[in-house]
PDB file of N, CA and C in Angstrom:
ATOM      1  N   MET A   1       3.814  -2.567   7.589  1.00  0.00           N
ATOM      2  CA  MET A   1       3.472  -3.631   6.661  1.00  0.00           C
ATOM      3  C   MET A   1       4.698  -3.903   5.785  1.00  0.00           C
ATOM      4  N   SER A   2       5.006  -5.172   5.586  1.00  0.00           N
ATOM      5  CA  SER A   2       6.159  -5.528   4.767  1.00  0.00           C
ATOM      6  C   SER A   2       5.884  -5.232   3.293  1.00  0.00           C
ATOM      7  N   ASP A   3       6.970  -5.110   2.537  1.00  0.00           N
ATOM      8  CA  ASP A   3       6.834  -4.839   1.100  1.00  0.00           C
ATOM      9  C   ASP A   3       6.024  -5.929   0.411  1.00  0.00           C
ATOM     10  N   SER A   4       6.318  -7.191   0.735  1.00  0.00           N
ATOM     11  CA  SER A   4       5.626  -8.286   0.047  1.00  0.00           C
ATOM     12  C   SER A   4       4.128  -8.290   0.359  1.00  0.00           C
ATOM     13  N   VAL A   5       3.764  -7.961   1.594  1.00  0.00           N
ATOM     14  CA  VAL A   5       2.343  -7.901   1.954  1.00  0.00           C
ATOM     15  C   VAL A   5       1.665  -6.751   1.216  1.00  0.00           C
ATOM     16  N   HIS A   6       2.334  -5.603   1.163  1.00  0.00           N
ATOM     17  CA  HIS A   6       1.782  -4.442   0.458  1.00  0.00           C
ATOM     18  C   HIS A   6       1.574  -4.765  -1.023  1.00  0.00           C
ATOM     19  N   ILE A   7       2.573  -5.364  -1.642  1.00  0.00           N
ATOM     20  CA  ILE A   7       2.477  -5.728  -3.060  1.00  0.00           C
ATOM     21  C   ILE A   7       1.331  -6.711  -3.273  1.00  0.00           C
ATOM     22  N   ASP A   8       1.255  -7.730  -2.420  1.00  0.00           N
ATOM     23  CA  ASP A   8       0.212  -8.748  -2.546  1.00  0.00           C
ATOM     24  C   ASP A   8      -1.181  -8.142  -2.393  1.00  0.00           C
ATOM     25  N   ARG A   9      -1.350  -7.267  -1.422  1.00  0.00           N
ATOM     26  CA  ARG A   9      -2.666  -6.640  -1.210  1.00  0.00           C
ATOM     27  C   ARG A   9      -3.082  -5.797  -2.412  1.00  0.00           C
ATOM     28  N   GLU A  10      -2.137  -5.020  -2.934  1.00  0.00           N
ATOM     29  CA  GLU A  10      -2.467  -4.168  -4.081  1.00  0.00           C
ATOM     30  C   GLU A  10      -2.783  -5.006  -5.316  1.00  0.00           C
ATOM     31  N   LEU A  11      -2.003  -6.062  -5.554  1.00  0.00           N
ATOM     32  CA  LEU A  11      -2.281  -6.924  -6.713  1.00  0.00           C
ATOM     33  C   LEU A  11      -3.621  -7.641  -6.556  1.00  0.00           C
ATOM     34  N   SER A  12      -3.924  -8.089  -5.353  1.00  0.00           N
ATOM     35  CA  SER A  12      -5.217  -8.748  -5.113  1.00  0.00           C
ATOM     36  C   SER A  12      -6.371  -7.780  -5.353  1.00  0.00           C
ATOM     37  N   ALA A  13      -6.218  -6.555  -4.876  1.00  0.00           N
ATOM     38  CA  ALA A  13      -7.257  -5.538  -5.096  1.00  0.00           C
ATOM     39  C   ALA A  13      -7.390  -5.227  -6.583  1.00  0.00           C
ATOM     40  N   ALA A  14      -6.265  -5.204  -7.293  1.00  0.00           N
ATOM     41  CA  ALA A  14      -6.293  -4.947  -8.737  1.00  0.00           C
ATOM     42  C   ALA A  14      -7.024  -6.068  -9.467  1.00  0.00           C
ATOM     43  N   ARG A  15      -6.721  -7.316  -9.101  1.00  0.00           N
ATOM     44  CA  ARG A  15      -7.390  -8.463  -9.740  1.00  0.00           C
ATOM     45  C   ARG A  15      -8.903  -8.410  -9.520  1.00  0.00           C
ATOM     46  N   LEU A  16      -9.298  -8.161  -8.281  1.00  0.00           N
ATOM     47  CA  LEU A  16     -10.723  -8.112  -7.955  1.00  0.00           C
ATOM     48  C   LEU A  16     -11.417  -6.992  -8.729  1.00  0.00           C
ATOM     49  N   ALA A  17     -10.812  -5.825  -8.743  1.00  0.00           N
ATOM     50  CA  ALA A  17     -11.402  -4.694  -9.470  1.00  0.00           C
ATOM     51  C   ALA A  17     -11.504  -5.011 -10.961  1.00  0.00           C
ATOM     52  N   TRP A  18     -10.477  -5.629 -11.523  1.00  0.00           N
ATOM     53  CA  TRP A  18     -10.466  -5.977 -12.947  1.00  0.00           C
ATOM     54  C   TRP A  18     -11.592  -6.955 -13.263  1.00  0.00           C
ATOM     55  N   GLU A  19     -11.749  -7.963 -12.383  1.00  0.00           N
ATOM     56  CA  GLU A  19     -12.814  -8.957 -12.578  1.00  0.00           C
ATOM     57  C   GLU A  19     -14.205  -8.329 -12.467  1.00  0.00           C
ATOM     58  N   GLN A  20     -14.327  -7.258 -11.693  1.00  0.00           N
ATOM     59  CA  GLN A  20     -15.608  -6.585 -11.509  1.00  0.00           C
ATOM     60  C   GLN A  20     -15.834  -5.473 -12.528  1.00  0.00           C
ATOM     61  N   GLY A  21     -14.931  -5.356 -13.482  1.00  0.00           N
ATOM     62  CA  GLY A  21     -15.083  -4.354 -14.529  1.00  0.00           C
ATOM     63  C   GLY A  21     -14.742  -2.939 -14.101  1.00  0.00           C
ATOM     64  N   GLN A  22     -14.048  -2.809 -12.997  1.00  0.00           N
ATOM     65  CA  GLN A  22     -13.632  -1.491 -12.510  1.00  0.00           C
ATOM     66  C   GLN A  22     -12.212  -1.205 -13.003  1.00  0.00           C
ATOM     67  N   ASP A  23     -12.113  -0.891 -14.298  1.00  0.00           N
ATOM     68  CA  ASP A  23     -10.808  -0.718 -14.932  1.00  0.00           C
ATOM     69  C   ASP A  23      -9.945   0.334 -14.247  1.00  0.00           C
ATOM     70  N   GLY A  24     -10.527   1.470 -13.927  1.00  0.00           N
ATOM     71  CA  GLY A  24      -9.756   2.551 -13.313  1.00  0.00           C
ATOM     72  C   GLY A  24      -9.163   2.141 -11.978  1.00  0.00           C
ATOM     73  N   LYS A  25      -9.971   1.508 -11.140  1.00  0.00           N
ATOM     74  CA  LYS A  25      -9.487   1.058  -9.833  1.00  0.00           C
ATOM     75  C   LYS A  25      -8.417  -0.015 -10.002  1.00  0.00           C
ATOM     76  N   ALA A  26      -8.604  -0.912 -10.955  1.00  0.00           N
ATOM     77  CA  ALA A  26      -7.616  -1.962 -11.204  1.00  0.00           C
ATOM     78  C   ALA A  26      -6.274  -1.350 -11.586  1.00  0.00           C
ATOM     79  N   ARG A  27      -6.301  -0.331 -12.420  1.00  0.00           N
ATOM     80  CA  ARG A  27      -5.060   0.325 -12.848  1.00  0.00           C
ATOM     81  C   ARG A  27      -4.382   1.038 -11.681  1.00  0.00           C
ATOM     82  N   VAL A  28      -5.160   1.700 -10.841  1.00  0.00           N
ATOM     83  CA  VAL A  28      -4.587   2.395  -9.679  1.00  0.00           C
ATOM     84  C   VAL A  28      -3.910   1.390  -8.748  1.00  0.00           C
ATOM     85  N   CYS A  29      -4.579   0.298  -8.455  1.00  0.00           N
ATOM     86  CA  CYS A  29      -4.007  -0.717  -7.562  1.00  0.00           C
ATOM     87  C   CYS A  29      -2.775  -1.372  -8.189  1.00  0.00           C
ATOM     88  N   ALA A  30      -2.834  -1.649  -9.488  1.00  0.00           N
ATOM     89  CA  ALA A  30      -1.685  -2.231 -10.183  1.00  0.00           C
ATOM     90  C   ALA A  30      -0.492  -1.278 -10.130  1.00  0.00           C
ATOM     91  N   ARG A  31      -0.738  -0.005 -10.346  1.00  0.00           N
ATOM     92  CA  ARG A  31       0.330   0.996 -10.278  1.00  0.00           C
ATOM     93  C   ARG A  31       0.942   1.045  -8.884  1.00  0.00           C
ATOM     94  N   ARG A  32       0.095   1.007  -7.858  1.00  0.00           N
ATOM     95  CA  ARG A  32       0.613   1.056  -6.483  1.00  0.00           C
ATOM     96  C   ARG A  32       1.434  -0.191  -6.158  1.00  0.00           C
ATOM     97  N   ALA A  33       1.030  -1.345  -6.677  1.00  0.00           N
ATOM     98  CA  ALA A  33       1.797  -2.573  -6.455  1.00  0.00           C
ATOM     99  C   ALA A  33       3.185  -2.449  -7.076  1.00  0.00           C
ATOM    100  N   VAL A  34       3.249  -1.926  -8.292  1.00  0.00           N
ATOM    101  CA  VAL A  34       4.542  -1.732  -8.959  1.00  0.00           C
ATOM    102  C   VAL A  34       5.394  -0.735  -8.182  1.00  0.00           C
ATOM    103  N   ALA A  35       4.790   0.342  -7.719  1.00  0.00           N
ATOM    104  CA  ALA A  35       5.539   1.347  -6.957  1.00  0.00           C
ATOM    105  C   ALA A  35       6.138   0.731  -5.695  1.00  0.00           C
ATOM    106  N   ALA A  36       5.385  -0.119  -5.007  1.00  0.00           N
ATOM    107  CA  ALA A  36       5.900  -0.771  -3.799  1.00  0.00           C
ATOM    108  C   ALA A  36       7.076  -1.682  -4.140  1.00  0.00           C
ATOM    109  N   ALA A  37       6.967  -2.425  -5.233  1.00  0.00           N
ATOM    110  CA  ALA A  37       8.067  -3.295  -5.652  1.00  0.00           C
ATOM    111  C   ALA A  37       9.284  -2.477  -6.070  1.00  0.00           C
ATOM    112  N   ASP A  38       9.052  -1.366  -6.742  1.00  0.00           N
ATOM    113  CA  ASP A  38      10.162  -0.520  -7.175  1.00  0.00           C
ATOM    114  C   ASP A  38      10.861   0.110  -5.972  1.00  0.00           C
ATOM    115  N   ARG A  39      10.091   0.534  -4.975  1.00  0.00           N
ATOM    116  CA  ARG A  39      10.707   1.083  -3.758  1.00  0.00           C
ATOM    117  C   ARG A  39      11.601   0.031  -3.100  1.00  0.00           C
ATOM    118  N   ALA A  40      11.135  -1.209  -3.030  1.00  0.00           N
ATOM    119  CA  ALA A  40      11.931  -2.290  -2.444  1.00  0.00           C
ATOM    120  C   ALA A  40      13.186  -2.536  -3.274  1.00  0.00           C
ATOM    121  N   TRP A  41      13.032  -2.509  -4.603  1.00  0.00           N
ATOM    122  CA  TRP A  41      14.175  -2.714  -5.496  1.00  0.00           C
ATOM    123  C   TRP A  41      15.200  -1.597  -5.319  1.00  0.00           C
ATOM    124  N   LEU A  42      14.731  -0.362  -5.271  1.00  0.00           N
ATOM    125  CA  LEU A  42      15.632   0.775  -5.081  1.00  0.00           C
ATOM    126  C   LEU A  42      16.341   0.695  -3.734  1.00  0.00           C
ATOM    127  N   SER A  43      15.625   0.301  -2.716  1.00  0.00           N
ATOM    128  CA  SER A  43      16.219   0.171  -1.388  1.00  0.00           C
ATOM    129  C   SER A  43      17.309  -0.900  -1.394  1.00  0.00           C
ATOM    130  N   ALA A  44      17.030  -2.042  -2.025  1.00  0.00           N
ATOM    131  CA  ALA A  44      18.017  -3.119  -2.111  1.00  0.00           C
ATOM    132  C   ALA A  44      19.218  -2.705  -2.950  1.00  0.00           C
ATOM    133  N   ALA A  45      18.983  -1.811  -3.919  1.00  0.00           N
ATOM    134  CA  ALA A  45      20.069  -1.326  -4.783  1.00  0.00           C
ATOM    135  C   ALA A  45      20.847  -0.188  -4.121  1.00  0.00           C
ATOM    136  N   GLY A  46      20.441   0.190  -2.919  1.00  0.00           N
ATOM    137  CA  GLY A  46      21.168   1.224  -2.197  1.00  0.00           C
ATOM    138  C   GLY A  46      20.653   2.630  -2.395  1.00  0.00           C
ATOM    139  N   ASP A  47      19.445   2.783  -2.914  1.00  0.00           N
ATOM    140  CA  ASP A  47      18.883   4.115  -3.133  1.00  0.00           C
ATOM    141  C   ASP A  47      17.507   4.230  -2.461  1.00  0.00           C
ATOM    142  N   PRO A  48      17.466   4.056  -1.132  1.00  0.00           N
ATOM    143  CA  PRO A  48      16.171   4.089  -0.454  1.00  0.00           C
ATOM    144  C   PRO A  48      15.562   5.481  -0.361  1.00  0.00           C
ATOM    145  N   LEU A  49      16.312   6.511  -0.714  1.00  0.00           N
ATOM    146  CA  LEU A  49      15.820   7.877  -0.567  1.00  0.00           C
ATOM    147  C   LEU A  49      15.060   8.381  -1.787  1.00  0.00           C
ATOM    148  N   TRP A  50      15.103   7.640  -2.903  1.00  0.00           N
ATOM    149  CA  TRP A  50      14.386   8.088  -4.097  1.00  0.00           C
ATOM    150  C   TRP A  50      12.904   8.102  -3.772  1.00  0.00           C
ATOM    151  N   GLN A  51      12.256   9.190  -4.083  1.00  0.00           N
ATOM    152  CA  GLN A  51      10.838   9.353  -3.769  1.00  0.00           C
ATOM    153  C   GLN A  51      10.044   9.649  -5.036  1.00  0.00           C
ATOM    154  N   GLY A  52       8.797   9.302  -5.017  1.00  0.00           N
ATOM    155  CA  GLY A  52       7.911   9.608  -6.128  1.00  0.00           C
ATOM    156  C   GLY A  52       6.608   8.855  -5.968  1.00  0.00           C
ATOM    157  N   ASP A  53       5.585   9.340  -6.646  1.00  0.00           N
ATOM    158  CA  ASP A  53       4.309   8.634  -6.609  1.00  0.00           C
ATOM    159  C   ASP A  53       4.371   7.444  -7.565  1.00  0.00           C
ATOM    160  N   ALA A  54       3.278   6.710  -7.663  1.00  0.00           N
ATOM    161  CA  ALA A  54       3.267   5.502  -8.492  1.00  0.00           C
ATOM    162  C   ALA A  54       3.615   5.805  -9.948  1.00  0.00           C
ATOM    163  N   LEU A  55       3.094   6.899 -10.489  1.00  0.00           N
ATOM    164  CA  LEU A  55       3.399   7.239 -11.885  1.00  0.00           C
ATOM    165  C   LEU A  55       4.866   7.602 -12.058  1.00  0.00           C
ATOM    166  N   ALA A  56       5.464   8.242 -11.074  1.00  0.00           N
ATOM    167  CA  ALA A  56       6.895   8.560 -11.155  1.00  0.00           C
ATOM    168  C   ALA A  56       7.721   7.277 -11.167  1.00  0.00           C
ATOM    169  N   HIS A  57       7.320   6.289 -10.377  1.00  0.00           N
ATOM    170  CA  HIS A  57       8.022   5.000 -10.386  1.00  0.00           C
ATOM    171  C   HIS A  57       7.891   4.341 -11.759  1.00  0.00           C
ATOM    172  N   LEU A  58       6.701   4.387 -12.333  1.00  0.00           N
ATOM    173  CA  LEU A  58       6.501   3.786 -13.658  1.00  0.00           C
ATOM    174  C   LEU A  58       7.318   4.505 -14.723  1.00  0.00           C
ATOM    175  N   ARG A  59       7.390   5.822 -14.650  1.00  0.00           N
ATOM    176  CA  ARG A  59       8.209   6.572 -15.614  1.00  0.00           C
ATOM    177  C   ARG A  59       9.689   6.233 -15.442  1.00  0.00           C
ATOM    178  N   ARG A  60      10.124   6.052 -14.196  1.00  0.00           N
ATOM    179  CA  ARG A  60      11.517   5.678 -13.938  1.00  0.00           C
ATOM    180  C   ARG A  60      11.815   4.324 -14.574  1.00  0.00           C
ATOM    181  N   ILE A  61      10.892   3.384 -14.424  1.00  0.00           N
ATOM    182  CA  ILE A  61      11.065   2.053 -15.000  1.00  0.00           C
ATOM    183  C   ILE A  61      11.120   2.133 -16.525  1.00  0.00           C
ATOM    184  N   GLN A  62      10.256   2.950 -17.119  1.00  0.00           N
ATOM    185  CA  GLN A  62      10.255   3.118 -18.580  1.00  0.00           C
ATOM    186  C   GLN A  62      11.612   3.586 -19.091  1.00  0.00           C
ATOM    187  N   GLN A  63      12.316   4.374 -18.313  1.00  0.00           N
ATOM    188  CA  GLN A  63      13.577   4.974 -18.747  1.00  0.00           C
ATOM    189  C   GLN A  63      14.796   4.093 -18.481  1.00  0.00           C
ATOM    190  N   GLN A  64      14.603   2.955 -17.843  1.00  0.00           N
ATOM    191  CA  GLN A  64      15.728   2.081 -17.511  1.00  0.00           C
ATOM    192  C   GLN A  64      16.127   1.241 -18.723  1.00  0.00           C
ATOM    193  N   LYS A  65      17.128   1.695 -19.436  1.00  0.00           N
ATOM    194  CA  LYS A  65      17.575   0.994 -20.648  1.00  0.00           C
ATOM    195  C   LYS A  65      18.057  -0.424 -20.346  1.00  0.00           C
ATOM    196  N   ALA A  66      18.504  -0.668 -19.113  1.00  0.00           N
ATOM    197  CA  ALA A  66      18.990  -1.998 -18.754  1.00  0.00           C
ATOM    198  C   ALA A  66      17.845  -2.993 -18.535  1.00  0.00           C
ATOM    199  N   PHE A  67      16.629  -2.498 -18.372  1.00  0.00           N
ATOM    200  CA  PHE A  67      15.485  -3.384 -18.177  1.00  0.00           C
ATOM    201  C   PHE A  67      15.043  -3.939 -19.528  1.00  0.00           C
ATOM    202  N   PRO A  68      14.510  -5.154 -19.545  1.00  0.00           N
ATOM    203  CA  PRO A  68      13.999  -5.716 -20.800  1.00  0.00           C
ATOM    204  C   PRO A  68      12.908  -4.822 -21.398  1.00  0.00           C
ATOM    205  N   ASN A  69      12.855  -4.821 -22.705  1.00  0.00           N
ATOM    206  CA  ASN A  69      11.883  -3.994 -23.413  1.00  0.00           C
ATOM    207  C   ASN A  69      10.451  -4.295 -22.975  1.00  0.00           C
ATOM    208  N   GLN A  70      10.132  -5.571 -22.758  1.00  0.00           N
ATOM    209  CA  GLN A  70       8.764  -5.923 -22.371  1.00  0.00           C
ATOM    210  C   GLN A  70       8.397  -5.326 -21.012  1.00  0.00           C
ATOM    211  N   VAL A  71       9.356  -5.187 -20.120  1.00  0.00           N
ATOM    212  CA  VAL A  71       9.106  -4.567 -18.812  1.00  0.00           C
ATOM    213  C   VAL A  71       8.860  -3.075 -18.994  1.00  0.00           C
ATOM    214  N   ARG A  72       9.687  -2.442 -19.806  1.00  0.00           N
ATOM    215  CA  ARG A  72       9.525  -1.006 -20.060  1.00  0.00           C
ATOM    216  C   ARG A  72       8.201  -0.722 -20.772  1.00  0.00           C
ATOM    217  N   GLN A  73       7.808  -1.595 -21.694  1.00  0.00           N
ATOM    218  CA  GLN A  73       6.534  -1.416 -22.399  1.00  0.00           C
ATOM    219  C   GLN A  73       5.347  -1.613 -21.456  1.00  0.00           C
ATOM    220  N   ALA A  74       5.459  -2.553 -20.531  1.00  0.00           N
ATOM    221  CA  ALA A  74       4.386  -2.752 -19.550  1.00  0.00           C
ATOM    222  C   ALA A  74       4.233  -1.501 -18.686  1.00  0.00           C
ATOM    223  N   ALA A  75       5.353  -0.887 -18.315  1.00  0.00           N
ATOM    224  CA  ALA A  75       5.297   0.361 -17.542  1.00  0.00           C
ATOM    225  C   ALA A  75       4.637   1.464 -18.364  1.00  0.00           C
ATOM    226  N   GLU A  76       4.933   1.497 -19.652  1.00  0.00           N
ATOM    227  CA  GLU A  76       4.304   2.501 -20.524  1.00  0.00           C
ATOM    228  C   GLU A  76       2.791   2.300 -20.581  1.00  0.00           C
ATOM    229  N   ARG A  77       2.376   1.038 -20.708  1.00  0.00           N
ATOM    230  CA  ARG A  77       0.935   0.770 -20.765  1.00  0.00           C
ATOM    231  C   ARG A  77       0.243   1.200 -19.470  1.00  0.00           C
ATOM    232  N   LEU A  78       0.902   0.976 -18.346  1.00  0.00           N
ATOM    233  CA  LEU A  78       0.296   1.358 -17.066  1.00  0.00           C
ATOM    234  C   LEU A  78       0.243   2.870 -16.869  1.00  0.00           C
ATOM    235  N   THR A  79       1.056   3.609 -17.592  1.00  0.00           N
ATOM    236  CA  THR A  79       1.009   5.072 -17.470  1.00  0.00           C
ATOM    237  C   THR A  79       0.030   5.693 -18.460  1.00  0.00           C
ATOM    238  N   THR A  80      -0.467   4.905 -19.400  1.00  0.00           N
ATOM    239  CA  THR A  80      -1.414   5.427 -20.384  1.00  0.00           C
ATOM    240  C   THR A  80      -2.754   5.701 -19.710  1.00  0.00           C
ATOM    241  N   ALA A  81      -3.281   6.879 -19.917  1.00  0.00           N
ATOM    242  CA  ALA A  81      -4.565   7.256 -19.319  1.00  0.00           C
ATOM    243  C   ALA A  81      -5.679   6.354 -19.840  1.00  0.00           C
ATOM    244  N   VAL A  82      -6.615   6.025 -18.980  1.00  0.00           N
ATOM    245  CA  VAL A  82      -7.736   5.160 -19.368  1.00  0.00           C
ATOM    246  C   VAL A  82      -8.478   5.747 -20.560  1.00  0.00           C
ATOM    247  N   THR A  83      -8.611   7.064 -20.614  1.00  0.00           N
ATOM    248  CA  THR A  83      -9.333   7.695 -21.721  1.00  0.00           C
ATOM    249  C   THR A  83      -8.593   7.521 -23.036  1.00  0.00           C
ATOM    250  N   ARG A  84      -7.274   7.364 -22.995  1.00  0.00           N
ATOM    251  CA  ARG A  84      -6.495   7.169 -24.215  1.00  0.00           C
ATOM    252  C   ARG A  84      -6.323   5.701 -24.554  1.00  0.00           C
ATOM    253  N   ARG A  85      -6.546   4.830 -23.594  1.00  0.00           N
ATOM    254  CA  ARG A  85      -6.267   3.417 -23.791  1.00  0.00           C
ATOM    255  C   ARG A  85      -7.027   2.841 -24.969  1.00  0.00           C
ATOM    256  N   HIS A  86      -8.261   3.283 -25.174  1.00  0.00           N
ATOM    257  CA  HIS A  86      -9.061   2.732 -26.269  1.00  0.00           C
ATOM    258  C   HIS A  86      -8.509   3.145 -27.627  1.00  0.00           C
ATOM    259  N   ASP A  87      -7.742   4.234 -27.671  1.00  0.00           N
ATOM    260  CA  ASP A  87      -7.114   4.684 -28.906  1.00  0.00           C
ATOM    261  C   ASP A  87      -5.685   4.178 -29.040  1.00  0.00           C
ATOM    262  N   ALA A  88      -5.164   3.589 -27.983  1.00  0.00           N
ATOM    263  CA  ALA A  88      -3.766   3.164 -27.986  1.00  0.00           C
ATOM    264  C   ALA A  88      -3.580   1.962 -28.915  1.00  0.00           C
ATOM    265  N   PRO A  89      -2.370   1.811 -29.458  1.00  0.00           N
ATOM    266  CA  PRO A  89      -2.104   0.710 -30.389  1.00  0.00           C
ATOM    267  C   PRO A  89      -1.819  -0.616 -29.678  1.00  0.00           C
ATOM    268  N   PHE A  90      -2.350  -0.799 -28.481  1.00  0.00           N
ATOM    269  CA  PHE A  90      -2.140  -2.040 -27.750  1.00  0.00           C
ATOM    270  C   PHE A  90      -3.330  -2.289 -26.835  1.00  0.00           C
ATOM    271  N   THR A  91      -3.474  -3.539 -26.429  1.00  0.00           N
ATOM    272  CA  THR A  91      -4.479  -3.860 -25.426  1.00  0.00           C
ATOM    273  C   THR A  91      -3.775  -3.841 -24.076  1.00  0.00           C
ATOM    274  N   SER A  92      -4.537  -3.765 -23.029  1.00  0.00           N
ATOM    275  CA  SER A  92      -3.906  -3.631 -21.730  1.00  0.00           C
ATOM    276  C   SER A  92      -4.643  -4.416 -20.665  1.00  0.00           C
ATOM    277  N   ASP A  93      -3.902  -5.209 -19.935  1.00  0.00           N
ATOM    278  CA  ASP A  93      -4.384  -5.881 -18.739  1.00  0.00           C
ATOM    279  C   ASP A  93      -3.462  -5.388 -17.633  1.00  0.00           C
ATOM    280  N   PRO A  94      -3.912  -4.444 -16.827  1.00  0.00           N
ATOM    281  CA  PRO A  94      -3.021  -3.836 -15.838  1.00  0.00           C
ATOM    282  C   PRO A  94      -2.470  -4.829 -14.820  1.00  0.00           C
ATOM    283  N   VAL A  95      -3.218  -5.861 -14.501  1.00  0.00           N
ATOM    284  CA  VAL A  95      -2.748  -6.836 -13.519  1.00  0.00           C
ATOM    285  C   VAL A  95      -1.575  -7.627 -14.092  1.00  0.00           C
ATOM    286  N   SER A  96      -1.698  -8.068 -15.335  1.00  0.00           N
ATOM    287  CA  SER A  96      -0.604  -8.805 -15.973  1.00  0.00           C
ATOM    288  C   SER A  96       0.620  -7.922 -16.161  1.00  0.00           C
ATOM    289  N   ASP A  97       0.392  -6.671 -16.559  1.00  0.00           N
ATOM    290  CA  ASP A  97       1.519  -5.748 -16.717  1.00  0.00           C
ATOM    291  C   ASP A  97       2.232  -5.532 -15.388  1.00  0.00           C
ATOM    292  N   ALA A  98       1.467  -5.336 -14.322  1.00  0.00           N
ATOM    293  CA  ALA A  98       2.073  -5.133 -13.001  1.00  0.00           C
ATOM    294  C   ALA A  98       2.841  -6.380 -12.572  1.00  0.00           C
ATOM    295  N   ALA A  99       2.254  -7.555 -12.773  1.00  0.00           N
ATOM    296  CA  ALA A  99       2.918  -8.799 -12.380  1.00  0.00           C
ATOM    297  C   ALA A  99       4.230  -8.993 -13.138  1.00  0.00           C
ATOM    298  N   LEU A 100       4.250  -8.645 -14.412  1.00  0.00           N
ATOM    299  CA  LEU A 100       5.468  -8.752 -15.216  1.00  0.00           C
ATOM    300  C   LEU A 100       6.569  -7.853 -14.652  1.00  0.00           C
ATOM    301  N   ILE A 101       6.226  -6.615 -14.365  1.00  0.00           N
ATOM    302  CA  ILE A 101       7.205  -5.666 -13.834  1.00  0.00           C
ATOM    303  C   ILE A 101       7.688  -6.119 -12.459  1.00  0.00           C
ATOM    304  N   ILE A 102       6.765  -6.509 -11.604  1.00  0.00           N
ATOM    305  CA  ILE A 102       7.121  -6.938 -10.249  1.00  0.00           C
ATOM    306  C   ILE A 102       8.027  -8.162 -10.293  1.00  0.00           C
ATOM    307  N   ALA A 103       7.734  -9.103 -11.166  1.00  0.00           N
ATOM    308  CA  ALA A 103       8.581 -10.289 -11.299  1.00  0.00           C
ATOM    309  C   ALA A 103      10.003  -9.891 -11.672  1.00  0.00           C
ATOM    310  N   HIS A 104      10.141  -8.940 -12.578  1.00  0.00           N
ATOM    311  CA  HIS A 104      11.478  -8.489 -12.974  1.00  0.00           C
ATOM    312  C   HIS A 104      12.194  -7.809 -11.808  1.00  0.00           C
ATOM    313  N   LEU A 105      11.492  -6.941 -11.108  1.00  0.00           N
ATOM    314  CA  LEU A 105      12.116  -6.192 -10.018  1.00  0.00           C
ATOM    315  C   LEU A 105      12.487  -7.075  -8.839  1.00  0.00           C
ATOM    316  N   THR A 106      11.754  -8.130  -8.614  1.00  0.00           N
ATOM    317  CA  THR A 106      11.966  -8.931  -7.413  1.00  0.00           C
ATOM    318  C   THR A 106      12.777 -10.196  -7.636  1.00  0.00           C
ATOM    319  N   VAL A 107      13.098 -10.526  -8.861  1.00  0.00           N
ATOM    320  CA  VAL A 107      13.770 -11.793  -9.138  1.00  0.00           C
ATOM    321  C   VAL A 107      15.118 -11.905  -8.430  1.00  0.00           C
ATOM    322  N   ASP A 108      15.848 -10.821  -8.311  1.00  0.00           N
ATOM    323  CA  ASP A 108      17.177 -10.883  -7.707  1.00  0.00           C
ATOM    324  C   ASP A 108      17.216 -10.440  -6.252  1.00  0.00           C
ATOM    325  N   LEU A 109      16.076 -10.075  -5.707  1.00  0.00           N
ATOM    326  CA  LEU A 109      16.063  -9.616  -4.316  1.00  0.00           C
ATOM    327  C   LEU A 109      16.121 -10.806  -3.368  1.00  0.00           C
ATOM    328  N   PRO A 110      16.864 -10.642  -2.266  1.00  0.00           N
ATOM    329  CA  PRO A 110      16.869 -11.708  -1.269  1.00  0.00           C
ATOM    330  C   PRO A 110      15.460 -11.891  -0.708  1.00  0.00           C
ATOM    331  N   GLY A 111      15.037 -13.125  -0.553  1.00  0.00           N
ATOM    332  CA  GLY A 111      13.690 -13.394  -0.045  1.00  0.00           C
ATOM    333  C   GLY A 111      12.654 -12.796  -0.958  1.00  0.00           C
ATOM    334  N   ALA A 112      12.749 -13.099  -2.230  1.00  0.00           N
ATOM    335  CA  ALA A 112      11.916 -12.493  -3.280  1.00  0.00           C
ATOM    336  C   ALA A 112      10.568 -12.017  -2.767  1.00  0.00           C
ATOM    337  N   LEU A 113      10.163 -10.863  -3.270  1.00  0.00           N
ATOM    338  CA  LEU A 113       8.946 -10.213  -2.805  1.00  0.00           C
ATOM    339  C   LEU A 113       7.691 -10.694  -3.507  1.00  0.00           C
ATOM    340  N   LEU A 114       7.840 -11.612  -4.419  1.00  0.00           N
ATOM    341  CA  LEU A 114       6.653 -12.052  -5.161  1.00  0.00           C
ATOM    342  C   LEU A 114       5.601 -12.595  -4.214  1.00  0.00           C
ATOM    343  N   PRO A 115       4.375 -12.122  -4.401  1.00  0.00           N
ATOM    344  CA  PRO A 115       3.288 -12.605  -3.541  1.00  0.00           C
ATOM    345  C   PRO A 115       2.939 -14.044  -3.853  1.00  0.00           C
TER     346      PRO A 115
END
């Protein structure tokens, strides 16, 4: 399956879950979509061997000082546990956060991966 198809499927599943009130599933799918986009970005940047689960990809994005603050903050929101989210000082829409990160990661890739 191509990166763009994988990203699109995960984002679609996240949107559907979010609309159905399945917050946890929406966050998992959103995280997986970001991880797929990050893997494609790393591969295009010449580092296809970097490995990690979806949360590791999100933590890597959070630490990228060269990325815009809003992208890093979206990654932080996606790593926040659902049980802590209600106490967090921000609201969270995992689909929008994932789309923001994916847009940043794919903007410079040849044949942009945006679904």
